[in-house]
N, C-alpha and C. Protein backbone atom coordinates (compact mmCIF):
# COMPACT_ATOMS: atom_id res chain seq x y z
N THR A 1 0.83 -1.19 0.00
CA THR A 1 0.00 0.00 0.00
C THR A 1 0.88 1.26 0.00
N TYR A 2 0.31 2.35 -0.41
CA TYR A 2 1.01 3.63 -0.44
C TYR A 2 0.46 4.52 0.66
N GLN A 3 1.33 5.27 1.29
CA GLN A 3 0.93 6.24 2.30
C GLN A 3 1.11 7.63 1.70
N THR A 4 0.07 8.44 1.75
CA THR A 4 0.15 9.77 1.15
C THR A 4 0.61 10.83 2.14
N LYS A 5 0.80 10.44 3.40
CA LYS A 5 1.31 11.38 4.41
C LYS A 5 2.28 10.64 5.32
N PRO A 6 3.22 11.36 5.92
CA PRO A 6 4.19 10.71 6.81
C PRO A 6 3.50 10.04 8.00
N LEU A 7 3.96 8.84 8.33
CA LEU A 7 3.44 8.10 9.47
C LEU A 7 4.52 7.94 10.53
N LEU A 8 4.15 7.99 11.76
CA LEU A 8 5.06 7.78 12.87
C LEU A 8 5.52 6.32 12.90
N VAL A 9 6.81 6.09 13.07
CA VAL A 9 7.34 4.74 13.25
C VAL A 9 7.17 4.45 14.73
N ALA A 10 6.02 3.92 15.09
CA ALA A 10 5.60 3.78 16.48
C ALA A 10 6.54 2.93 17.33
N ALA A 11 7.16 1.92 16.75
CA ALA A 11 8.01 1.02 17.52
C ALA A 11 9.24 1.72 18.11
N ILE A 12 9.61 2.87 17.56
CA ILE A 12 10.77 3.60 18.07
C ILE A 12 10.41 5.05 18.41
N ALA A 13 9.15 5.31 18.66
CA ALA A 13 8.69 6.67 18.94
C ALA A 13 9.28 7.24 20.23
N ASP A 14 9.73 6.39 21.14
CA ASP A 14 10.30 6.85 22.40
C ASP A 14 11.79 7.14 22.30
N LYS A 15 12.40 6.95 21.15
CA LYS A 15 13.83 7.17 20.93
C LYS A 15 14.06 8.49 20.23
N LYS A 16 15.29 9.03 20.37
CA LYS A 16 15.69 10.23 19.65
C LYS A 16 16.81 9.83 18.69
N PHE A 17 16.76 10.39 17.48
CA PHE A 17 17.70 10.00 16.43
C PHE A 17 18.44 11.21 15.88
N THR A 18 19.68 10.96 15.45
CA THR A 18 20.51 12.01 14.88
C THR A 18 20.70 11.85 13.38
N LYS A 19 20.56 10.61 12.88
CA LYS A 19 20.74 10.34 11.45
C LYS A 19 19.76 9.25 11.02
N ILE A 20 19.32 9.33 9.77
CA ILE A 20 18.48 8.28 9.20
C ILE A 20 18.85 8.12 7.74
N THR A 21 18.75 6.89 7.26
CA THR A 21 19.06 6.60 5.86
C THR A 21 18.13 5.50 5.38
N SER A 22 17.76 5.53 4.12
CA SER A 22 16.88 4.52 3.56
C SER A 22 17.48 3.92 2.31
N GLY A 23 17.43 2.60 2.21
CA GLY A 23 17.90 1.89 1.02
C GLY A 23 16.70 1.39 0.25
N ASN A 24 16.87 0.28 -0.42
CA ASN A 24 15.79 -0.33 -1.19
C ASN A 24 14.99 -1.24 -0.27
N TYR A 25 13.87 -0.79 0.23
CA TYR A 25 12.97 -1.53 1.11
C TYR A 25 13.48 -1.68 2.54
N PHE A 26 14.43 -0.86 2.99
CA PHE A 26 14.85 -0.88 4.39
C PHE A 26 15.36 0.48 4.81
N SER A 27 15.37 0.72 6.12
CA SER A 27 15.88 1.97 6.68
C SER A 27 16.67 1.68 7.93
N CYS A 28 17.61 2.58 8.25
CA CYS A 28 18.39 2.51 9.48
C CYS A 28 18.48 3.91 10.07
N ALA A 29 18.46 4.01 11.39
CA ALA A 29 18.55 5.30 12.07
C ALA A 29 19.48 5.18 13.26
N ALA A 30 20.35 6.19 13.45
CA ALA A 30 21.29 6.24 14.57
C ALA A 30 20.65 7.04 15.70
N SER A 31 20.62 6.45 16.89
CA SER A 31 19.96 7.10 18.03
C SER A 31 20.95 7.88 18.88
N THR A 32 20.42 8.74 19.73
CA THR A 32 21.25 9.50 20.66
C THR A 32 21.78 8.62 21.79
N THR A 33 21.28 7.39 21.89
CA THR A 33 21.75 6.45 22.91
C THR A 33 22.76 5.46 22.33
N ASN A 34 23.37 5.83 21.20
CA ASN A 34 24.43 5.04 20.57
C ASN A 34 23.98 3.68 20.08
N GLU A 35 22.76 3.61 19.60
CA GLU A 35 22.24 2.40 18.99
C GLU A 35 21.86 2.73 17.55
N VAL A 36 21.84 1.71 16.71
CA VAL A 36 21.35 1.86 15.34
C VAL A 36 20.17 0.91 15.19
N TYR A 37 19.02 1.46 14.85
CA TYR A 37 17.80 0.67 14.63
C TYR A 37 17.59 0.55 13.13
N CYS A 38 17.31 -0.67 12.67
CA CYS A 38 17.02 -0.90 11.26
C CYS A 38 15.71 -1.66 11.14
N TRP A 39 15.02 -1.48 10.01
CA TRP A 39 13.75 -2.15 9.79
C TRP A 39 13.48 -2.27 8.30
N GLY A 40 12.57 -3.18 7.96
CA GLY A 40 12.18 -3.41 6.57
C GLY A 40 12.64 -4.77 6.08
N LYS A 41 12.92 -4.85 4.80
CA LYS A 41 13.34 -6.09 4.17
C LYS A 41 14.75 -6.46 4.62
N ASN A 42 14.97 -7.76 4.88
CA ASN A 42 16.27 -8.20 5.40
C ASN A 42 16.77 -9.45 4.67
N THR A 43 16.57 -9.52 3.37
CA THR A 43 16.92 -10.73 2.62
C THR A 43 18.42 -10.91 2.43
N LYS A 44 19.21 -9.85 2.58
CA LYS A 44 20.68 -9.94 2.40
C LYS A 44 21.43 -9.58 3.68
N GLY A 45 20.73 -9.51 4.81
CA GLY A 45 21.38 -9.13 6.06
C GLY A 45 21.53 -7.63 6.23
N GLN A 46 20.84 -6.84 5.43
CA GLN A 46 21.00 -5.39 5.44
C GLN A 46 20.51 -4.71 6.71
N LEU A 47 19.82 -5.44 7.59
CA LEU A 47 19.42 -4.85 8.87
C LEU A 47 20.51 -5.01 9.93
N GLY A 48 21.55 -5.78 9.63
CA GLY A 48 22.70 -5.88 10.51
C GLY A 48 22.46 -6.55 11.84
N ARG A 49 21.51 -7.47 11.90
CA ARG A 49 21.14 -8.11 13.17
C ARG A 49 21.68 -9.52 13.34
N GLY A 50 22.31 -10.08 12.32
CA GLY A 50 22.67 -11.48 12.37
C GLY A 50 21.41 -12.31 12.13
N GLY A 51 21.53 -13.59 12.11
CA GLY A 51 20.37 -14.45 11.97
C GLY A 51 19.92 -14.65 10.54
N ALA A 52 18.76 -15.26 10.41
CA ALA A 52 18.22 -15.67 9.11
C ALA A 52 17.60 -14.49 8.35
N PRO A 53 17.64 -14.54 7.02
CA PRO A 53 17.00 -13.52 6.20
C PRO A 53 15.48 -13.53 6.38
N SER A 54 14.85 -12.38 6.14
CA SER A 54 13.39 -12.29 6.24
C SER A 54 12.88 -11.19 5.32
N GLN A 55 11.60 -11.24 5.01
CA GLN A 55 10.99 -10.27 4.11
C GLN A 55 10.56 -8.98 4.80
N LYS A 56 10.24 -9.06 6.11
CA LYS A 56 9.72 -7.87 6.78
C LYS A 56 10.10 -7.91 8.26
N GLU A 57 10.71 -6.84 8.73
CA GLU A 57 11.12 -6.74 10.13
C GLU A 57 10.73 -5.38 10.68
N LEU A 58 10.31 -5.37 11.94
CA LEU A 58 10.04 -4.12 12.64
C LEU A 58 11.34 -3.53 13.15
N PRO A 59 11.37 -2.24 13.53
CA PRO A 59 12.60 -1.64 14.02
C PRO A 59 13.15 -2.37 15.25
N ALA A 60 14.45 -2.63 15.22
CA ALA A 60 15.16 -3.25 16.34
C ALA A 60 16.63 -2.88 16.21
N PRO A 61 17.37 -2.91 17.32
CA PRO A 61 18.79 -2.56 17.26
C PRO A 61 19.59 -3.57 16.44
N MET A 62 20.56 -3.06 15.70
CA MET A 62 21.47 -3.94 14.98
C MET A 62 22.65 -4.28 15.88
N ILE A 63 23.46 -5.25 15.46
CA ILE A 63 24.65 -5.65 16.20
C ILE A 63 25.78 -4.69 15.82
N LEU A 64 26.31 -3.97 16.80
CA LEU A 64 27.35 -2.99 16.54
C LEU A 64 28.73 -3.55 16.90
N PRO A 65 29.79 -3.01 16.29
CA PRO A 65 31.13 -3.41 16.69
C PRO A 65 31.36 -3.12 18.17
N ALA A 66 32.30 -3.83 18.79
CA ALA A 66 32.58 -3.68 20.22
C ALA A 66 32.92 -2.24 20.58
N ASN A 67 32.47 -1.82 21.75
CA ASN A 67 32.79 -0.51 22.33
C ASN A 67 32.31 0.68 21.52
N THR A 68 31.28 0.52 20.72
CA THR A 68 30.73 1.64 19.94
C THR A 68 30.06 2.64 20.88
N VAL A 69 30.43 3.91 20.72
CA VAL A 69 29.85 4.97 21.55
C VAL A 69 29.12 6.01 20.71
N GLY A 70 28.97 5.77 19.43
CA GLY A 70 28.25 6.70 18.58
C GLY A 70 28.43 6.37 17.11
N VAL A 71 27.76 7.16 16.28
CA VAL A 71 27.81 6.97 14.84
C VAL A 71 28.12 8.33 14.20
N ARG A 72 29.23 8.39 13.47
CA ARG A 72 29.59 9.63 12.77
C ARG A 72 28.75 9.78 11.50
N ASP A 73 28.58 8.66 10.79
CA ASP A 73 27.84 8.72 9.53
C ASP A 73 27.27 7.34 9.24
N ILE A 74 26.17 7.30 8.50
CA ILE A 74 25.55 6.04 8.10
C ILE A 74 24.87 6.27 6.76
N SER A 75 24.95 5.26 5.89
CA SER A 75 24.37 5.38 4.55
C SER A 75 23.86 4.02 4.09
N ALA A 76 22.67 4.00 3.52
CA ALA A 76 22.08 2.76 2.99
C ALA A 76 22.16 2.77 1.48
N GLY A 77 22.57 1.62 0.93
CA GLY A 77 22.56 1.42 -0.51
C GLY A 77 21.35 0.59 -0.88
N THR A 78 21.41 -0.09 -2.01
CA THR A 78 20.27 -0.88 -2.44
C THR A 78 19.94 -1.98 -1.45
N GLU A 79 20.91 -2.85 -1.15
CA GLU A 79 20.68 -3.92 -0.18
C GLU A 79 21.86 -4.08 0.77
N HIS A 80 22.58 -2.99 1.00
CA HIS A 80 23.66 -2.98 1.98
C HIS A 80 23.73 -1.60 2.62
N ALA A 81 24.48 -1.50 3.69
CA ALA A 81 24.65 -0.21 4.36
C ALA A 81 26.07 -0.12 4.88
N CYS A 82 26.53 1.11 5.11
CA CYS A 82 27.86 1.37 5.67
C CYS A 82 27.74 2.46 6.72
N ALA A 83 28.67 2.44 7.67
CA ALA A 83 28.68 3.45 8.72
C ALA A 83 30.09 3.67 9.22
N VAL A 84 30.30 4.83 9.84
CA VAL A 84 31.52 5.09 10.60
C VAL A 84 31.08 5.06 12.05
N PHE A 85 31.50 4.02 12.76
CA PHE A 85 31.14 3.87 14.17
C PHE A 85 32.24 4.47 15.03
N LEU A 86 31.83 5.20 16.06
CA LEU A 86 32.79 5.80 16.98
C LEU A 86 33.10 4.81 18.08
N ASN A 87 34.31 4.30 18.06
CA ASN A 87 34.83 3.40 19.10
C ASN A 87 36.34 3.59 19.10
N GLN A 88 37.09 2.66 19.63
CA GLN A 88 38.54 2.84 19.67
C GLN A 88 39.16 2.93 18.28
N ASP A 89 38.50 2.40 17.26
CA ASP A 89 39.05 2.40 15.91
C ASP A 89 38.51 3.52 15.02
N GLU A 90 37.30 3.99 15.29
CA GLU A 90 36.60 4.95 14.41
C GLU A 90 36.71 4.51 12.96
N ALA A 91 36.32 3.27 12.73
CA ALA A 91 36.50 2.63 11.43
C ALA A 91 35.23 2.65 10.58
N ALA A 92 35.42 2.38 9.29
CA ALA A 92 34.30 2.21 8.36
C ALA A 92 33.88 0.73 8.38
N TRP A 93 32.59 0.50 8.45
CA TRP A 93 32.02 -0.85 8.50
C TRP A 93 30.86 -0.91 7.51
N CYS A 94 30.65 -2.07 6.91
CA CYS A 94 29.51 -2.28 6.00
C CYS A 94 28.88 -3.63 6.29
N TRP A 95 27.61 -3.81 5.90
CA TRP A 95 26.89 -5.05 6.10
C TRP A 95 25.80 -5.18 5.06
N GLY A 96 25.33 -6.41 4.85
CA GLY A 96 24.27 -6.68 3.87
C GLY A 96 24.84 -7.38 2.64
N ASP A 97 24.29 -7.03 1.48
CA ASP A 97 24.67 -7.66 0.21
C ASP A 97 26.14 -7.39 -0.12
N ASN A 98 26.84 -8.43 -0.56
CA ASN A 98 28.23 -8.30 -0.96
C ASN A 98 28.47 -8.95 -2.32
N SER A 99 27.42 -9.09 -3.12
CA SER A 99 27.55 -9.80 -4.40
C SER A 99 28.47 -9.10 -5.38
N THR A 100 28.69 -7.80 -5.21
CA THR A 100 29.64 -7.06 -6.06
C THR A 100 30.79 -6.50 -5.22
N ARG A 101 31.02 -7.10 -4.07
CA ARG A 101 32.11 -6.74 -3.14
C ARG A 101 31.95 -5.34 -2.57
N GLN A 102 30.72 -4.87 -2.46
CA GLN A 102 30.45 -3.53 -1.97
C GLN A 102 30.65 -3.37 -0.47
N LEU A 103 30.92 -4.46 0.27
CA LEU A 103 31.21 -4.34 1.70
C LEU A 103 32.66 -3.95 1.95
N GLY A 104 33.53 -4.19 0.97
CA GLY A 104 34.91 -3.72 1.07
C GLY A 104 35.77 -4.45 2.09
N ASP A 105 35.46 -5.70 2.38
CA ASP A 105 36.23 -6.44 3.39
C ASP A 105 37.15 -7.49 2.77
N ASN A 106 37.39 -7.39 1.48
CA ASN A 106 38.26 -8.33 0.77
C ASN A 106 37.77 -9.77 0.81
N SER A 107 36.49 -9.98 1.01
CA SER A 107 35.97 -11.35 1.03
C SER A 107 35.09 -11.60 -0.18
N SER A 108 34.86 -12.86 -0.46
CA SER A 108 33.99 -13.22 -1.57
C SER A 108 32.65 -13.77 -1.08
N VAL A 109 32.36 -13.63 0.22
CA VAL A 109 31.05 -14.06 0.72
C VAL A 109 29.98 -13.19 0.07
N LEU A 110 28.81 -13.74 -0.16
CA LEU A 110 27.77 -13.01 -0.87
C LEU A 110 27.02 -12.00 -0.02
N SER A 111 27.07 -12.16 1.31
CA SER A 111 26.42 -11.19 2.20
C SER A 111 26.95 -11.37 3.61
N SER A 112 26.72 -10.34 4.43
CA SER A 112 27.06 -10.42 5.85
C SER A 112 25.94 -9.77 6.64
N SER A 113 25.39 -10.51 7.59
CA SER A 113 24.27 -9.98 8.39
C SER A 113 24.75 -9.21 9.61
N THR A 114 26.06 -9.08 9.77
CA THR A 114 26.64 -8.22 10.81
C THR A 114 27.73 -7.36 10.15
N PRO A 115 28.06 -6.21 10.74
CA PRO A 115 29.04 -5.33 10.12
C PRO A 115 30.43 -5.96 10.00
N VAL A 116 31.08 -5.69 8.85
CA VAL A 116 32.47 -6.09 8.62
C VAL A 116 33.28 -4.83 8.35
N GLN A 117 34.52 -4.81 8.82
CA GLN A 117 35.35 -3.63 8.67
C GLN A 117 35.87 -3.51 7.24
N VAL A 118 35.87 -2.28 6.72
CA VAL A 118 36.36 -2.01 5.37
C VAL A 118 37.88 -2.00 5.40
N CYS A 119 38.49 -2.85 4.58
CA CYS A 119 39.96 -2.98 4.52
C CYS A 119 40.42 -3.13 3.08
N ALA A 120 41.59 -2.57 2.76
CA ALA A 120 42.24 -2.76 1.48
C ALA A 120 43.49 -3.58 1.75
N ASP A 121 43.51 -4.80 1.25
CA ASP A 121 44.59 -5.74 1.55
C ASP A 121 44.71 -5.90 3.06
N SER A 122 45.82 -5.48 3.66
CA SER A 122 45.98 -5.64 5.11
C SER A 122 45.77 -4.33 5.86
N VAL A 123 45.37 -3.27 5.16
CA VAL A 123 45.17 -1.97 5.78
C VAL A 123 43.68 -1.69 5.93
N CYS A 124 43.24 -1.48 7.17
CA CYS A 124 41.82 -1.17 7.41
C CYS A 124 41.63 0.32 7.56
N PHE A 125 40.50 0.80 7.09
CA PHE A 125 40.19 2.23 7.17
C PHE A 125 39.66 2.54 8.56
N SER A 126 40.51 3.16 9.38
CA SER A 126 40.14 3.42 10.77
C SER A 126 40.61 4.81 11.17
N ARG A 127 40.85 5.00 12.46
CA ARG A 127 41.15 6.31 13.05
C ARG A 127 42.22 7.09 12.28
N SER A 128 43.28 6.44 11.84
CA SER A 128 44.37 7.15 11.17
C SER A 128 43.92 7.81 9.86
N TYR A 129 42.84 7.34 9.28
CA TYR A 129 42.31 7.94 8.05
C TYR A 129 41.33 9.08 8.33
N ALA A 130 40.94 9.26 9.57
CA ALA A 130 39.98 10.32 9.95
C ALA A 130 38.79 10.32 8.99
N ILE A 131 38.07 9.22 8.95
CA ILE A 131 36.96 9.07 8.01
C ILE A 131 35.86 10.07 8.33
N ALA A 132 35.56 10.92 7.38
CA ALA A 132 34.55 11.96 7.56
C ALA A 132 33.15 11.46 7.21
N SER A 133 33.06 10.63 6.15
CA SER A 133 31.74 10.17 5.73
C SER A 133 31.85 8.91 4.89
N VAL A 134 30.73 8.19 4.80
CA VAL A 134 30.60 7.02 3.95
C VAL A 134 29.35 7.18 3.10
N SER A 135 29.35 6.50 1.95
CA SER A 135 28.17 6.53 1.10
C SER A 135 28.01 5.17 0.44
N ALA A 136 26.84 4.58 0.56
CA ALA A 136 26.54 3.28 -0.03
C ALA A 136 25.69 3.51 -1.27
N GLY A 137 26.14 2.98 -2.41
CA GLY A 137 25.40 3.11 -3.66
C GLY A 137 24.65 1.83 -3.98
N SER A 138 24.33 1.63 -5.24
CA SER A 138 23.56 0.45 -5.62
C SER A 138 24.38 -0.83 -5.51
N SER A 139 25.61 -0.83 -5.99
CA SER A 139 26.46 -2.02 -5.93
C SER A 139 27.90 -1.61 -5.64
N TYR A 140 28.07 -0.53 -4.97
CA TYR A 140 29.38 0.00 -4.62
C TYR A 140 29.26 0.90 -3.39
N SER A 141 30.41 1.28 -2.83
CA SER A 141 30.44 2.15 -1.65
C SER A 141 31.65 3.07 -1.77
N CYS A 142 31.62 4.19 -1.05
CA CYS A 142 32.74 5.13 -1.03
C CYS A 142 32.90 5.70 0.38
N LEU A 143 34.12 6.19 0.67
CA LEU A 143 34.35 6.91 1.91
C LEU A 143 35.25 8.09 1.62
N ALA A 144 35.14 9.11 2.46
CA ALA A 144 35.98 10.30 2.36
C ALA A 144 36.84 10.39 3.60
N SER A 145 38.16 10.53 3.39
CA SER A 145 39.12 10.66 4.47
C SER A 145 39.43 12.13 4.68
N ALA A 146 39.47 12.57 5.93
CA ALA A 146 39.78 13.97 6.25
C ALA A 146 41.19 14.11 6.81
N ASN A 147 41.98 13.04 6.78
CA ASN A 147 43.35 13.07 7.26
C ASN A 147 44.18 13.93 6.32
N GLN A 148 44.97 14.88 6.87
CA GLN A 148 45.76 15.77 6.03
C GLN A 148 46.76 15.01 5.17
N ALA A 149 47.29 13.91 5.69
CA ALA A 149 48.28 13.14 4.93
C ALA A 149 47.62 12.27 3.86
N SER A 150 46.40 11.84 4.10
CA SER A 150 45.73 10.96 3.13
C SER A 150 44.32 11.46 2.85
N ASN A 151 44.19 12.75 2.59
CA ASN A 151 42.91 13.39 2.34
C ASN A 151 42.39 12.94 0.98
N ASN A 152 41.82 11.74 0.95
CA ASN A 152 41.42 11.13 -0.30
C ASN A 152 40.02 10.55 -0.21
N THR A 153 39.52 10.18 -1.37
CA THR A 153 38.25 9.48 -1.47
C THR A 153 38.55 8.08 -1.99
N TYR A 154 37.91 7.08 -1.40
CA TYR A 154 38.11 5.69 -1.77
C TYR A 154 36.76 5.09 -2.14
N CYS A 155 36.71 4.29 -3.21
CA CYS A 155 35.48 3.61 -3.60
C CYS A 155 35.79 2.15 -3.91
N TRP A 156 34.79 1.29 -3.74
CA TRP A 156 34.96 -0.14 -3.98
C TRP A 156 33.62 -0.74 -4.37
N GLY A 157 33.67 -1.92 -4.95
CA GLY A 157 32.47 -2.60 -5.41
C GLY A 157 32.51 -2.77 -6.91
N GLN A 158 31.38 -2.68 -7.54
CA GLN A 158 31.30 -2.93 -8.98
C GLN A 158 31.51 -1.65 -9.78
N ASN A 159 32.50 -1.66 -10.63
CA ASN A 159 32.71 -0.58 -11.58
C ASN A 159 31.94 -0.93 -12.85
N ASN A 160 31.61 0.05 -13.63
CA ASN A 160 30.95 -0.23 -14.91
C ASN A 160 31.27 0.89 -15.89
N SER A 161 30.58 0.93 -17.00
CA SER A 161 30.87 1.91 -18.04
C SER A 161 30.59 3.35 -17.61
N THR A 162 29.86 3.53 -16.51
CA THR A 162 29.60 4.89 -16.04
C THR A 162 30.74 5.42 -15.18
N GLY A 163 31.69 4.57 -14.81
CA GLY A 163 32.83 5.01 -14.02
C GLY A 163 32.50 5.35 -12.59
N ARG A 164 31.52 4.69 -12.00
CA ARG A 164 31.05 5.05 -10.66
C ARG A 164 32.10 4.91 -9.57
N LEU A 165 33.20 4.16 -9.81
CA LEU A 165 34.26 4.07 -8.81
C LEU A 165 35.31 5.15 -9.01
N GLY A 166 35.17 5.96 -10.04
CA GLY A 166 36.09 7.06 -10.28
C GLY A 166 37.44 6.63 -10.81
N ILE A 167 37.48 5.48 -11.45
CA ILE A 167 38.73 5.00 -12.03
C ILE A 167 38.59 4.90 -13.54
N ASN A 168 39.70 4.93 -14.24
CA ASN A 168 39.69 4.89 -15.70
C ASN A 168 39.69 3.45 -16.18
N ASN A 169 38.62 2.76 -15.89
CA ASN A 169 38.51 1.36 -16.28
C ASN A 169 37.01 1.06 -16.36
N SER A 170 36.54 0.63 -17.48
CA SER A 170 35.10 0.39 -17.64
C SER A 170 34.73 -1.07 -17.45
N SER A 171 35.64 -1.87 -16.90
CA SER A 171 35.32 -3.28 -16.68
C SER A 171 34.37 -3.43 -15.50
N MET A 172 33.90 -4.64 -15.30
CA MET A 172 32.99 -4.92 -14.20
C MET A 172 33.76 -5.47 -12.99
N ASN A 173 35.03 -5.12 -12.85
CA ASN A 173 35.84 -5.63 -11.76
C ASN A 173 35.57 -4.91 -10.45
N PHE A 174 36.16 -5.43 -9.38
CA PHE A 174 35.99 -4.88 -8.04
C PHE A 174 37.28 -4.23 -7.59
N TYR A 175 37.22 -3.05 -7.03
CA TYR A 175 38.42 -2.32 -6.63
C TYR A 175 38.25 -1.75 -5.24
N LEU A 176 39.36 -1.54 -4.57
CA LEU A 176 39.41 -0.78 -3.33
C LEU A 176 40.76 -0.12 -3.24
């Protein structure tokens, strides 16, 4: 059904949120109590809760990396999401669909129902990169580093003829 006016998400009406993002049939929101609530379709683990896939889920907290005390940024793609969690590492993490390697963890698993840290070879994107933001696209992801020494943008996942990874290669390969 279609809703012609905004409706209250009653299951989390008692919470306060600082960020919200919506992907394809799912949403995630970062709360002021350092939790991330996700809801909607969970067929690829995009709600970040672990467990079995499902077609419809109500809002509930996702599984966060250890010692998380906040969320700097969060972004939902088609069937995956990425975030910068504030903890001892302040690292970039992604979860959900990984069929085009959009989670950036150097693995070939097709999905992850819990967050995995974004790494290039043996180097993980964490505090030393001063990650300012992340963005999850349809089959790729990007992050922006605010570190003066490595003030760069990094993208990974599926490249194509549109050059969405920002590289001079129109193949369908995966890069980070």
